[in-house]
PDB file of all heavy atoms in Angstrom:
ATOM      1  N   LEU A   1      -7.262   5.399  -2.490  1.00  0.00           N
ATOM      2  CA  LEU A   1      -8.384   6.159  -1.967  1.00  0.00           C
ATOM      3  C   LEU A   1      -9.675   5.348  -1.942  1.00  0.00           C
ATOM      4  O   LEU A   1     -10.552   5.610  -1.113  1.00  0.00           O
ATOM      5  CB  LEU A   1      -8.572   7.440  -2.773  1.00  0.00           C
ATOM      6  CG  LEU A   1      -7.438   8.460  -2.656  1.00  0.00           C
ATOM      7  CD1 LEU A   1      -7.674   9.634  -3.577  1.00  0.00           C
ATOM      8  CD2 LEU A   1      -7.274   8.915  -1.220  1.00  0.00           C
ATOM      9  N   THR A   2      -9.804   4.375  -2.841  1.00  0.00           N
ATOM     10  CA  THR A   2     -10.998   3.526  -2.835  1.00  0.00           C
ATOM     11  C   THR A   2     -10.841   2.308  -1.937  1.00  0.00           C
ATOM     12  O   THR A   2     -11.790   1.547  -1.772  1.00  0.00           O
ATOM     13  CB  THR A   2     -11.346   3.070  -4.263  1.00  0.00           C
ATOM     14  OG1 THR A   2     -10.239   2.378  -4.829  1.00  0.00           O
ATOM     15  CG2 THR A   2     -11.749   4.243  -5.131  1.00  0.00           C
ATOM     16  N   GLY A   3      -9.675   2.087  -1.362  1.00  0.00           N
ATOM     17  CA  GLY A   3      -9.462   0.981  -0.439  1.00  0.00           C
ATOM     18  C   GLY A   3      -9.002  -0.299  -1.101  1.00  0.00           C
ATOM     19  O   GLY A   3      -8.936  -1.343  -0.456  1.00  0.00           O
ATOM     20  N   ASP A   4      -8.685  -0.273  -2.382  1.00  0.00           N
ATOM     21  CA  ASP A   4      -8.233  -1.465  -3.096  1.00  0.00           C
ATOM     22  C   ASP A   4      -6.746  -1.693  -2.870  1.00  0.00           C
ATOM     23  O   ASP A   4      -6.039  -0.841  -2.336  1.00  0.00           O
ATOM     24  CB  ASP A   4      -8.478  -1.323  -4.599  1.00  0.00           C
ATOM     25  CG  ASP A   4      -9.940  -1.413  -4.950  1.00  0.00           C
ATOM     26  OD1 ASP A   4     -10.721  -1.890  -4.110  1.00  0.00           O
ATOM     27  OD2 ASP A   4     -10.298  -1.004  -6.067  1.00  0.00           O
ATOM     28  N   GLU A   5      -6.280  -2.843  -3.346  1.00  0.00           N
ATOM     29  CA  GLU A   5      -4.845  -3.101  -3.354  1.00  0.00           C
ATOM     30  C   GLU A   5      -4.209  -2.299  -4.486  1.00  0.00           C
ATOM     31  O   GLU A   5      -4.858  -1.986  -5.481  1.00  0.00           O
ATOM     32  CB  GLU A   5      -4.570  -4.584  -3.551  1.00  0.00           C
ATOM     33  CG  GLU A   5      -4.995  -5.112  -4.891  1.00  0.00           C
ATOM     34  CD  GLU A   5      -4.746  -6.591  -5.039  1.00  0.00           C
ATOM     35  OE1 GLU A   5      -4.625  -7.294  -4.031  1.00  0.00           O
ATOM     36  OE2 GLU A   5      -4.672  -7.029  -6.189  1.00  0.00           O
ATOM     37  N   PHE A   6      -2.949  -1.939  -4.311  1.00  0.00           N
ATOM     38  CA  PHE A   6      -2.225  -1.234  -5.363  1.00  0.00           C
ATOM     39  C   PHE A   6      -0.787  -1.718  -5.367  1.00  0.00           C
ATOM     40  O   PHE A   6      -0.359  -2.457  -4.490  1.00  0.00           O
ATOM     41  CB  PHE A   6      -2.321   0.287  -5.204  1.00  0.00           C
ATOM     42  CG  PHE A   6      -1.760   0.831  -3.922  1.00  0.00           C
ATOM     43  CD1 PHE A   6      -0.472   1.316  -3.875  1.00  0.00           C
ATOM     44  CD2 PHE A   6      -2.531   0.875  -2.775  1.00  0.00           C
ATOM     45  CE1 PHE A   6       0.049   1.823  -2.706  1.00  0.00           C
ATOM     46  CE2 PHE A   6      -2.027   1.381  -1.599  1.00  0.00           C
ATOM     47  CZ  PHE A   6      -0.733   1.855  -1.557  1.00  0.00           C
ATOM     48  N   TYR A   7      -0.056  -1.313  -6.376  1.00  0.00           N
ATOM     49  CA  TYR A   7       1.299  -1.819  -6.588  1.00  0.00           C
ATOM     50  C   TYR A   7       2.310  -0.692  -6.464  1.00  0.00           C
ATOM     51  O   TYR A   7       2.028   0.453  -6.808  1.00  0.00           O
ATOM     52  CB  TYR A   7       1.409  -2.478  -7.964  1.00  0.00           C
ATOM     53  CG  TYR A   7       0.598  -3.734  -8.065  1.00  0.00           C
ATOM     54  CD1 TYR A   7      -0.720  -3.694  -8.481  1.00  0.00           C
ATOM     55  CD2 TYR A   7       1.133  -4.959  -7.711  1.00  0.00           C
ATOM     56  CE1 TYR A   7      -1.487  -4.841  -8.551  1.00  0.00           C
ATOM     57  CE2 TYR A   7       0.385  -6.116  -7.773  1.00  0.00           C
ATOM     58  CZ  TYR A   7      -0.923  -6.048  -8.199  1.00  0.00           C
ATOM     59  OH  TYR A   7      -1.681  -7.189  -8.259  1.00  0.00           O
ATOM     60  N   LEU A   8       3.501  -1.055  -6.003  1.00  0.00           N
ATOM     61  CA  LEU A   8       4.615  -0.114  -5.941  1.00  0.00           C
ATOM     62  C   LEU A   8       5.425  -0.220  -7.222  1.00  0.00           C
ATOM     63  O   LEU A   8       5.635  -1.313  -7.743  1.00  0.00           O
ATOM     64  CB  LEU A   8       5.514  -0.426  -4.742  1.00  0.00           C
ATOM     65  CG  LEU A   8       4.946  -0.058  -3.383  1.00  0.00           C
ATOM     66  CD1 LEU A   8       5.855  -0.581  -2.291  1.00  0.00           C
ATOM     67  CD2 LEU A   8       4.782   1.428  -3.268  1.00  0.00           C
ATOM     68  N   PRO A   9       5.920   0.886  -7.733  1.00  0.00           N
ATOM     69  CA  PRO A   9       6.645   0.835  -9.004  1.00  0.00           C
ATOM     70  C   PRO A   9       8.081   0.346  -8.891  1.00  0.00           C
ATOM     71  O   PRO A   9       8.691   0.010  -9.890  1.00  0.00           O
ATOM     72  CB  PRO A   9       6.615   2.292  -9.467  1.00  0.00           C
ATOM     73  CG  PRO A   9       6.562   3.070  -8.204  1.00  0.00           C
ATOM     74  CD  PRO A   9       5.735   2.244  -7.263  1.00  0.00           C
ATOM     75  N   ILE A  10       8.626   0.274  -7.687  1.00  0.00           N
ATOM     76  CA  ILE A  10      10.045  -0.044  -7.562  1.00  0.00           C
ATOM     77  C   ILE A  10      10.325  -1.534  -7.523  1.00  0.00           C
ATOM     78  O   ILE A  10      11.436  -1.956  -7.775  1.00  0.00           O
ATOM     79  CB  ILE A  10      10.645   0.626  -6.307  1.00  0.00           C
ATOM     80  CG1 ILE A  10       9.838   0.253  -5.068  1.00  0.00           C
ATOM     81  CG2 ILE A  10      10.700   2.123  -6.475  1.00  0.00           C
ATOM     82  CD1 ILE A  10      10.442   0.706  -3.782  1.00  0.00           C
ATOM     83  N   LEU A  11       9.324  -2.338  -7.206  1.00  0.00           N
ATOM     84  CA  LEU A  11       9.504  -3.779  -7.114  1.00  0.00           C
ATOM     85  C   LEU A  11       8.528  -4.479  -8.052  1.00  0.00           C
ATOM     86  O   LEU A  11       7.406  -4.029  -8.234  1.00  0.00           O
ATOM     87  CB  LEU A  11       9.261  -4.266  -5.685  1.00  0.00           C
ATOM     88  CG  LEU A  11      10.160  -3.690  -4.606  1.00  0.00           C
ATOM     89  CD1 LEU A  11       9.675  -4.115  -3.237  1.00  0.00           C
ATOM     90  CD2 LEU A  11      11.585  -4.147  -4.815  1.00  0.00           C
ATOM     91  N   VAL A  12       8.957  -5.589  -8.613  1.00  0.00           N
ATOM     92  CA  VAL A  12       8.075  -6.354  -9.477  1.00  0.00           C
ATOM     93  C   VAL A  12       7.052  -7.074  -8.601  1.00  0.00           C
ATOM     94  O   VAL A  12       7.409  -7.761  -7.648  1.00  0.00           O
ATOM     95  CB  VAL A  12       8.897  -7.360 -10.313  1.00  0.00           C
ATOM     96  CG1 VAL A  12       7.987  -8.220 -11.159  1.00  0.00           C
ATOM     97  CG2 VAL A  12       9.900  -6.624 -11.174  1.00  0.00           C
ATOM     98  N   GLN A  13       5.797  -6.888  -8.923  1.00  0.00           N
ATOM     99  CA  GLN A  13       4.689  -7.505  -8.185  1.00  0.00           C
ATOM    100  C   GLN A  13       4.704  -7.154  -6.700  1.00  0.00           C
ATOM    101  O   GLN A  13       4.421  -8.000  -5.862  1.00  0.00           O
ATOM    102  CB  GLN A  13       4.684  -9.024  -8.382  1.00  0.00           C
ATOM    103  CG  GLN A  13       4.478  -9.463  -9.803  1.00  0.00           C
ATOM    104  CD  GLN A  13       3.115  -9.062 -10.336  1.00  0.00           C
ATOM    105  OE1 GLN A  13       2.135  -9.094  -9.630  1.00  0.00           O
ATOM    106  NE2 GLN A  13       3.064  -8.688 -11.591  1.00  0.00           N
ATOM    107  N   ALA A  14       5.049  -5.937  -6.375  1.00  0.00           N
ATOM    108  CA  ALA A  14       5.034  -5.486  -4.985  1.00  0.00           C
ATOM    109  C   ALA A  14       3.626  -4.997  -4.660  1.00  0.00           C
ATOM    110  O   ALA A  14       3.322  -3.816  -4.742  1.00  0.00           O
ATOM    111  CB  ALA A  14       6.055  -4.389  -4.757  1.00  0.00           C
ATOM    112  N   ARG A  15       2.775  -5.921  -4.297  1.00  0.00           N
ATOM    113  CA  ARG A  15       1.375  -5.612  -4.027  1.00  0.00           C
ATOM    114  C   ARG A  15       1.217  -5.128  -2.597  1.00  0.00           C
ATOM    115  O   ARG A  15       1.703  -5.742  -1.653  1.00  0.00           O
ATOM    116  CB  ARG A  15       0.525  -6.854  -4.243  1.00  0.00           C
ATOM    117  CG  ARG A  15      -0.951  -6.647  -4.040  1.00  0.00           C
ATOM    118  CD  ARG A  15      -1.712  -7.927  -4.254  1.00  0.00           C
ATOM    119  NE  ARG A  15      -1.574  -8.832  -3.128  1.00  0.00           N
ATOM    120  CZ  ARG A  15      -2.401  -8.858  -2.078  1.00  0.00           C
ATOM    121  NH1 ARG A  15      -3.409  -8.029  -2.031  1.00  0.00           N
ATOM    122  NH2 ARG A  15      -2.210  -9.714  -1.107  1.00  0.00           N
ATOM    123  N   VAL A  16       0.520  -4.017  -2.457  1.00  0.00           N
ATOM    124  CA  VAL A  16       0.179  -3.511  -1.140  1.00  0.00           C
ATOM    125  C   VAL A  16      -1.254  -3.949  -0.865  1.00  0.00           C
ATOM    126  O   VAL A  16      -2.139  -3.776  -1.695  1.00  0.00           O
ATOM    127  CB  VAL A  16       0.306  -1.971  -1.085  1.00  0.00           C
ATOM    128  CG1 VAL A  16      -0.094  -1.452   0.271  1.00  0.00           C
ATOM    129  CG2 VAL A  16       1.722  -1.558  -1.420  1.00  0.00           C
ATOM    130  N   LYS A  17      -1.488  -4.543   0.293  1.00  0.00           N
ATOM    131  CA  LYS A  17      -2.785  -5.120   0.612  1.00  0.00           C
ATOM    132  C   LYS A  17      -3.901  -4.082   0.586  1.00  0.00           C
ATOM    133  O   LYS A  17      -3.677  -2.903   0.839  1.00  0.00           O
ATOM    134  CB  LYS A  17      -2.743  -5.766   1.994  1.00  0.00           C
ATOM    135  CG  LYS A  17      -1.814  -6.940   2.100  1.00  0.00           C
ATOM    136  CD  LYS A  17      -1.814  -7.486   3.514  1.00  0.00           C
ATOM    137  CE  LYS A  17      -0.835  -8.629   3.651  1.00  0.00           C
ATOM    138  NZ  LYS A  17      -0.801  -9.133   5.033  1.00  0.00           N
ATOM    139  N   SER A  18      -5.100  -4.558   0.301  1.00  0.00           N
ATOM    140  CA  SER A  18      -6.265  -3.675   0.330  1.00  0.00           C
ATOM    141  C   SER A  18      -6.605  -3.342   1.779  1.00  0.00           C
ATOM    142  O   SER A  18      -6.113  -3.966   2.722  1.00  0.00           O
ATOM    143  CB  SER A  18      -7.457  -4.333  -0.357  1.00  0.00           C
ATOM    144  OG  SER A  18      -7.886  -5.448   0.384  1.00  0.00           O
ATOM    145  N   LEU A  19      -7.459  -2.368   1.947  1.00  0.00           N
ATOM    146  CA  LEU A  19      -7.825  -1.925   3.289  1.00  0.00           C
ATOM    147  C   LEU A  19      -8.546  -3.024   4.059  1.00  0.00           C
ATOM    148  O   LEU A  19      -8.379  -3.154   5.267  1.00  0.00           O
ATOM    149  CB  LEU A  19      -8.705  -0.677   3.187  1.00  0.00           C
ATOM    150  CG  LEU A  19      -8.887   0.156   4.432  1.00  0.00           C
ATOM    151  CD1 LEU A  19      -7.544   0.584   4.992  1.00  0.00           C
ATOM    152  CD2 LEU A  19      -9.746   1.357   4.145  1.00  0.00           C
ATOM    153  N   ALA A  20      -9.308  -3.855   3.358  1.00  0.00           N
ATOM    154  CA  ALA A  20     -10.016  -4.949   4.021  1.00  0.00           C
ATOM    155  C   ALA A  20      -9.049  -6.045   4.485  1.00  0.00           C
ATOM    156  O   ALA A  20      -9.330  -6.746   5.459  1.00  0.00           O
ATOM    157  CB  ALA A  20     -11.049  -5.545   3.072  1.00  0.00           C
ATOM    158  N   GLU A  21      -7.919  -6.198   3.808  1.00  0.00           N
ATOM    159  CA  GLU A  21      -6.932  -7.228   4.170  1.00  0.00           C
ATOM    160  C   GLU A  21      -5.990  -6.795   5.287  1.00  0.00           C
ATOM    161  O   GLU A  21      -5.318  -7.631   5.880  1.00  0.00           O
ATOM    162  CB  GLU A  21      -6.096  -7.617   2.953  1.00  0.00           C
ATOM    163  CG  GLU A  21      -6.848  -8.339   1.875  1.00  0.00           C
ATOM    164  CD  GLU A  21      -5.977  -8.599   0.667  1.00  0.00           C
ATOM    165  OE1 GLU A  21      -5.258  -7.670   0.240  1.00  0.00           O
ATOM    166  OE2 GLU A  21      -6.027  -9.729   0.161  1.00  0.00           O
ATOM    167  N   CYS A  22      -5.910  -5.509   5.548  1.00  0.00           N
ATOM    168  CA  CYS A  22      -5.001  -5.002   6.581  1.00  0.00           C
ATOM    169  C   CYS A  22      -5.562  -5.328   7.956  1.00  0.00           C
ATOM    170  O   CYS A  22      -6.583  -4.768   8.370  1.00  0.00           O
ATOM    171  CB  CYS A  22      -4.806  -3.495   6.436  1.00  0.00           C
ATOM    172  SG  CYS A  22      -3.895  -3.021   4.984  1.00  0.00           S
ATOM    173  N   LYS A  23      -4.900  -6.224   8.654  1.00  0.00           N
ATOM    174  CA  LYS A  23      -5.372  -6.663   9.968  1.00  0.00           C
ATOM    175  C   LYS A  23      -4.600  -6.026  11.122  1.00  0.00           C
ATOM    176  O   LYS A  23      -5.144  -5.789  12.176  1.00  0.00           O
ATOM    177  CB  LYS A  23      -5.273  -8.192  10.084  1.00  0.00           C
ATOM    178  CG  LYS A  23      -6.056  -8.934   9.038  1.00  0.00           C
ATOM    179  CD  LYS A  23      -7.528  -8.720   9.196  1.00  0.00           C
ATOM    180  CE  LYS A  23      -8.274  -9.535   8.159  1.00  0.00           C
ATOM    181  NZ  LYS A  23      -9.596  -9.060   7.906  1.00  0.00           N
ATOM    182  N   ASN A  24      -3.315  -5.767  10.909  1.00  0.00           N
ATOM    183  CA  ASN A  24      -2.521  -5.226  12.014  1.00  0.00           C
ATOM    184  C   ASN A  24      -2.000  -3.835  11.654  1.00  0.00           C
ATOM    185  O   ASN A  24      -2.159  -3.349  10.547  1.00  0.00           O
ATOM    186  CB  ASN A  24      -1.364  -6.174  12.377  1.00  0.00           C
ATOM    187  CG  ASN A  24      -0.505  -6.499  11.178  1.00  0.00           C
ATOM    188  OD1 ASN A  24      -0.528  -5.790  10.191  1.00  0.00           O
ATOM    189  ND2 ASN A  24       0.255  -7.579  11.267  1.00  0.00           N
ATOM    190  N   ASN A  25      -1.383  -3.198  12.624  1.00  0.00           N
ATOM    191  CA  ASN A  25      -0.899  -1.829  12.433  1.00  0.00           C
ATOM    192  C   ASN A  25       0.233  -1.746  11.425  1.00  0.00           C
ATOM    193  O   ASN A  25       0.371  -0.743  10.728  1.00  0.00           O
ATOM    194  CB  ASN A  25      -0.456  -1.234  13.765  1.00  0.00           C
ATOM    195  CG  ASN A  25      -1.633  -0.853  14.626  1.00  0.00           C
ATOM    196  OD1 ASN A  25      -2.721  -0.622  14.114  1.00  0.00           O
ATOM    197  ND2 ASN A  25      -1.413  -0.799  15.929  1.00  0.00           N
ATOM    198  N   PHE A  26       1.069  -2.793  11.354  1.00  0.00           N
ATOM    199  CA  PHE A  26       2.168  -2.777  10.401  1.00  0.00           C
ATOM    200  C   PHE A  26       1.647  -2.679   8.970  1.00  0.00           C
ATOM    201  O   PHE A  26       2.155  -1.888   8.169  1.00  0.00           O
ATOM    202  CB  PHE A  26       3.041  -4.021  10.550  1.00  0.00           C
ATOM    203  CG  PHE A  26       4.132  -4.097   9.521  1.00  0.00           C
ATOM    204  CD1 PHE A  26       5.273  -3.319   9.646  1.00  0.00           C
ATOM    205  CD2 PHE A  26       4.001  -4.919   8.414  1.00  0.00           C
ATOM    206  CE1 PHE A  26       6.274  -3.365   8.691  1.00  0.00           C
ATOM    207  CE2 PHE A  26       4.999  -4.975   7.453  1.00  0.00           C
ATOM    208  CZ  PHE A  26       6.138  -4.196   7.593  1.00  0.00           C
ATOM    209  N   ASP A  27       0.639  -3.468   8.635  1.00  0.00           N
ATOM    210  CA  ASP A  27       0.081  -3.427   7.286  1.00  0.00           C
ATOM    211  C   ASP A  27      -0.552  -2.071   6.976  1.00  0.00           C
ATOM    212  O   ASP A  27      -0.425  -1.557   5.869  1.00  0.00           O
ATOM    213  CB  ASP A  27      -0.957  -4.536   7.096  1.00  0.00           C
ATOM    214  CG  ASP A  27      -0.332  -5.917   7.068  1.00  0.00           C
ATOM    215  OD1 ASP A  27       0.884  -6.013   6.794  1.00  0.00           O
ATOM    216  OD2 ASP A  27      -1.061  -6.898   7.321  1.00  0.00           O
ATOM    217  N   LYS A  28      -1.234  -1.509   7.966  1.00  0.00           N
ATOM    218  CA  LYS A  28      -1.856  -0.189   7.754  1.00  0.00           C
ATOM    219  C   LYS A  28      -0.804   0.892   7.570  1.00  0.00           C
ATOM    220  O   LYS A  28      -0.928   1.757   6.706  1.00  0.00           O
ATOM    221  CB  LYS A  28      -2.777   0.141   8.925  1.00  0.00           C
ATOM    222  CG  LYS A  28      -3.997  -0.752   8.988  1.00  0.00           C
ATOM    223  CD  LYS A  28      -4.840  -0.464  10.203  1.00  0.00           C
ATOM    224  CE  LYS A  28      -5.997  -1.444  10.267  1.00  0.00           C
ATOM    225  NZ  LYS A  28      -6.795  -1.270  11.470  1.00  0.00           N
ATOM    226  N   ASN A  29       0.260   0.841   8.380  1.00  0.00           N
ATOM    227  CA  ASN A  29       1.337   1.828   8.239  1.00  0.00           C
ATOM    228  C   ASN A  29       2.092   1.643   6.923  1.00  0.00           C
ATOM    229  O   ASN A  29       2.471   2.623   6.276  1.00  0.00           O
ATOM    230  CB  ASN A  29       2.299   1.734   9.418  1.00  0.00           C
ATOM    231  CG  ASN A  29       1.680   2.224  10.701  1.00  0.00           C
ATOM    232  OD1 ASN A  29       0.723   2.994  10.684  1.00  0.00           O
ATOM    233  ND2 ASN A  29       2.203   1.766  11.818  1.00  0.00           N
ATOM    234  N   TYR A  30       2.320   0.393   6.539  1.00  0.00           N
ATOM    235  CA  TYR A  30       2.982   0.110   5.263  1.00  0.00           C
ATOM    236  C   TYR A  30       2.155   0.641   4.102  1.00  0.00           C
ATOM    237  O   TYR A  30       2.690   1.181   3.137  1.00  0.00           O
ATOM    238  CB  TYR A  30       3.215  -1.395   5.119  1.00  0.00           C
ATOM    239  CG  TYR A  30       3.922  -1.792   3.845  1.00  0.00           C
ATOM    240  CD1 TYR A  30       5.259  -1.476   3.655  1.00  0.00           C
ATOM    241  CD2 TYR A  30       3.247  -2.467   2.840  1.00  0.00           C
ATOM    242  CE1 TYR A  30       5.913  -1.834   2.494  1.00  0.00           C
ATOM    243  CE2 TYR A  30       3.887  -2.826   1.671  1.00  0.00           C
ATOM    244  CZ  TYR A  30       5.216  -2.512   1.504  1.00  0.00           C
ATOM    245  OH  TYR A  30       5.854  -2.866   0.351  1.00  0.00           O
ATOM    246  N   ARG A  31       0.856   0.514   4.202  1.00  0.00           N
ATOM    247  CA  ARG A  31      -0.050   1.015   3.163  1.00  0.00           C
ATOM    248  C   ARG A  31       0.047   2.537   3.046  1.00  0.00           C
ATOM    249  O   ARG A  31       0.114   3.084   1.957  1.00  0.00           O
ATOM    250  CB  ARG A  31      -1.468   0.570   3.502  1.00  0.00           C
ATOM    251  CG  ARG A  31      -2.504   0.936   2.502  1.00  0.00           C
ATOM    252  CD  ARG A  31      -3.845   0.329   2.896  1.00  0.00           C
ATOM    253  NE  ARG A  31      -4.919   0.933   2.164  1.00  0.00           N
ATOM    254  CZ  ARG A  31      -5.256   0.603   0.928  1.00  0.00           C
ATOM    255  NH1 ARG A  31      -4.608  -0.340   0.321  1.00  0.00           N
ATOM    256  NH2 ARG A  31      -6.234   1.229   0.319  1.00  0.00           N
ATOM    257  N   ILE A  32       0.095   3.218   4.181  1.00  0.00           N
ATOM    258  CA  ILE A  32       0.197   4.685   4.173  1.00  0.00           C
ATOM    259  C   ILE A  32       1.558   5.125   3.643  1.00  0.00           C
ATOM    260  O   ILE A  32       1.651   6.083   2.868  1.00  0.00           O
ATOM    261  CB  ILE A  32      -0.077   5.240   5.588  1.00  0.00           C
ATOM    262  CG1 ILE A  32      -1.545   5.016   5.945  1.00  0.00           C
ATOM    263  CG2 ILE A  32       0.286   6.709   5.682  1.00  0.00           C
ATOM    264  CD1 ILE A  32      -1.893   5.329   7.373  1.00  0.00           C
ATOM    265  N   ILE A  33       2.621   4.439   4.031  1.00  0.00           N
ATOM    266  CA  ILE A  33       3.960   4.782   3.543  1.00  0.00           C
ATOM    267  C   ILE A  33       4.069   4.543   2.039  1.00  0.00           C
ATOM    268  O   ILE A  33       4.637   5.361   1.312  1.00  0.00           O
ATOM    269  CB  ILE A  33       5.038   3.998   4.325  1.00  0.00           C
ATOM    270  CG1 ILE A  33       5.110   4.517   5.759  1.00  0.00           C
ATOM    271  CG2 ILE A  33       6.394   4.089   3.655  1.00  0.00           C
ATOM    272  CD1 ILE A  33       5.952   3.681   6.682  1.00  0.00           C
ATOM    273  N   ALA A  34       3.506   3.445   1.553  1.00  0.00           N
ATOM    274  CA  ALA A  34       3.531   3.157   0.119  1.00  0.00           C
ATOM    275  C   ALA A  34       2.732   4.193  -0.652  1.00  0.00           C
ATOM    276  O   ALA A  34       3.149   4.639  -1.732  1.00  0.00           O
ATOM    277  CB  ALA A  34       2.988   1.760  -0.145  1.00  0.00           C
ATOM    278  N   PHE A  35       1.594   4.620  -0.115  1.00  0.00           N
ATOM    279  CA  PHE A  35       0.813   5.675  -0.760  1.00  0.00           C
ATOM    280  C   PHE A  35       1.594   6.981  -0.797  1.00  0.00           C
ATOM    281  O   PHE A  35       1.609   7.675  -1.824  1.00  0.00           O
ATOM    282  CB  PHE A  35      -0.514   5.883  -0.031  1.00  0.00           C
ATOM    283  CG  PHE A  35      -1.210   7.146  -0.439  1.00  0.00           C
ATOM    284  CD1 PHE A  35      -1.843   7.227  -1.668  1.00  0.00           C
ATOM    285  CD2 PHE A  35      -1.234   8.251   0.388  1.00  0.00           C
ATOM    286  CE1 PHE A  35      -2.483   8.389  -2.066  1.00  0.00           C
ATOM    287  CE2 PHE A  35      -1.864   9.413   0.004  1.00  0.00           C
ATOM    288  CZ  PHE A  35      -2.495   9.488  -1.220  1.00  0.00           C
ATOM    289  N   THR A  36       2.250   7.308   0.306  1.00  0.00           N
ATOM    290  CA  THR A  36       3.047   8.535   0.357  1.00  0.00           C
ATOM    291  C   THR A  36       4.171   8.494  -0.674  1.00  0.00           C
ATOM    292  O   THR A  36       4.434   9.494  -1.353  1.00  0.00           O
ATOM    293  CB  THR A  36       3.617   8.738   1.768  1.00  0.00           C
ATOM    294  OG1 THR A  36       2.541   8.714   2.704  1.00  0.00           O
ATOM    295  CG2 THR A  36       4.370  10.046   1.878  1.00  0.00           C
ATOM    296  N   PHE A  37       4.815   7.339  -0.817  1.00  0.00           N
ATOM    297  CA  PHE A  37       5.868   7.184  -1.822  1.00  0.00           C
ATOM    298  C   PHE A  37       5.307   7.389  -3.229  1.00  0.00           C
ATOM    299  O   PHE A  37       5.890   8.113  -4.040  1.00  0.00           O
ATOM    300  CB  PHE A  37       6.506   5.801  -1.698  1.00  0.00           C
ATOM    301  CG  PHE A  37       7.530   5.524  -2.757  1.00  0.00           C
ATOM    302  CD1 PHE A  37       8.791   6.082  -2.666  1.00  0.00           C
ATOM    303  CD2 PHE A  37       7.218   4.729  -3.843  1.00  0.00           C
ATOM    304  CE1 PHE A  37       9.740   5.846  -3.651  1.00  0.00           C
ATOM    305  CE2 PHE A  37       8.157   4.484  -4.826  1.00  0.00           C
ATOM    306  CZ  PHE A  37       9.418   5.043  -4.735  1.00  0.00           C
ATOM    307  N   ASN A  38       4.168   6.767  -3.528  1.00  0.00           N
ATOM    308  CA  ASN A  38       3.556   6.942  -4.845  1.00  0.00           C
ATOM    309  C   ASN A  38       3.151   8.395  -5.086  1.00  0.00           C
ATOM    310  O   ASN A  38       3.309   8.918  -6.191  1.00  0.00           O
ATOM    311  CB  ASN A  38       2.337   6.031  -5.005  1.00  0.00           C
ATOM    312  CG  ASN A  38       2.704   4.629  -5.382  1.00  0.00           C
ATOM    313  OD1 ASN A  38       3.830   4.364  -5.783  1.00  0.00           O
ATOM    314  ND2 ASN A  38       1.773   3.725  -5.249  1.00  0.00           N
ATOM    315  N   PHE A  39       2.635   9.046  -4.061  1.00  0.00           N
ATOM    316  CA  PHE A  39       2.204  10.435  -4.199  1.00  0.00           C
ATOM    317  C   PHE A  39       3.391  11.362  -4.452  1.00  0.00           C
ATOM    318  O   PHE A  39       3.329  12.243  -5.313  1.00  0.00           O
ATOM    319  CB  PHE A  39       1.442  10.865  -2.940  1.00  0.00           C
ATOM    320  CG  PHE A  39       0.786  12.201  -3.068  1.00  0.00           C
ATOM    321  CD1 PHE A  39      -0.352  12.355  -3.832  1.00  0.00           C
ATOM    322  CD2 PHE A  39       1.310  13.305  -2.419  1.00  0.00           C
ATOM    323  CE1 PHE A  39      -0.960  13.599  -3.948  1.00  0.00           C
ATOM    324  CE2 PHE A  39       0.715  14.544  -2.533  1.00  0.00           C
ATOM    325  CZ  PHE A  39      -0.430  14.693  -3.310  1.00  0.00           C
ATOM    326  N   VAL A  40       4.472  11.158  -3.724  1.00  0.00           N
ATOM    327  CA  VAL A  40       5.675  11.989  -3.915  1.00  0.00           C
ATOM    328  C   VAL A  40       6.271  11.751  -5.307  1.00  0.00           C
ATOM    329  O   VAL A  40       6.692  12.698  -5.982  1.00  0.00           O
ATOM    330  CB  VAL A  40       6.702  11.718  -2.793  1.00  0.00           C
ATOM    331  CG1 VAL A  40       8.046  12.334  -3.107  1.00  0.00           C
ATOM    332  CG2 VAL A  40       6.178  12.242  -1.465  1.00  0.00           C
ATOM    333  N   CYS A  41       6.297  10.496  -5.748  1.00  0.00           N
ATOM    334  CA  CYS A  41       6.793  10.199  -7.098  1.00  0.00           C
ATOM    335  C   CYS A  41       5.907  10.845  -8.164  1.00  0.00           C
ATOM    336  O   CYS A  41       6.403  11.327  -9.178  1.00  0.00           O
ATOM    337  CB  CYS A  41       6.873   8.696  -7.320  1.00  0.00           C
ATOM    338  SG  CYS A  41       8.210   7.911  -6.419  1.00  0.00           S
TER     339      CYS A  41
END
């Protein structure tokens, strides 16, 4: 929610890029999917 990078719990060091680092649509969609996964968990 603050736009920082965050980590996924299923992979070791699975860093999701911060909002400032997301340049293309794939990174933005991956960020939303990773957030949705964390929220559901």
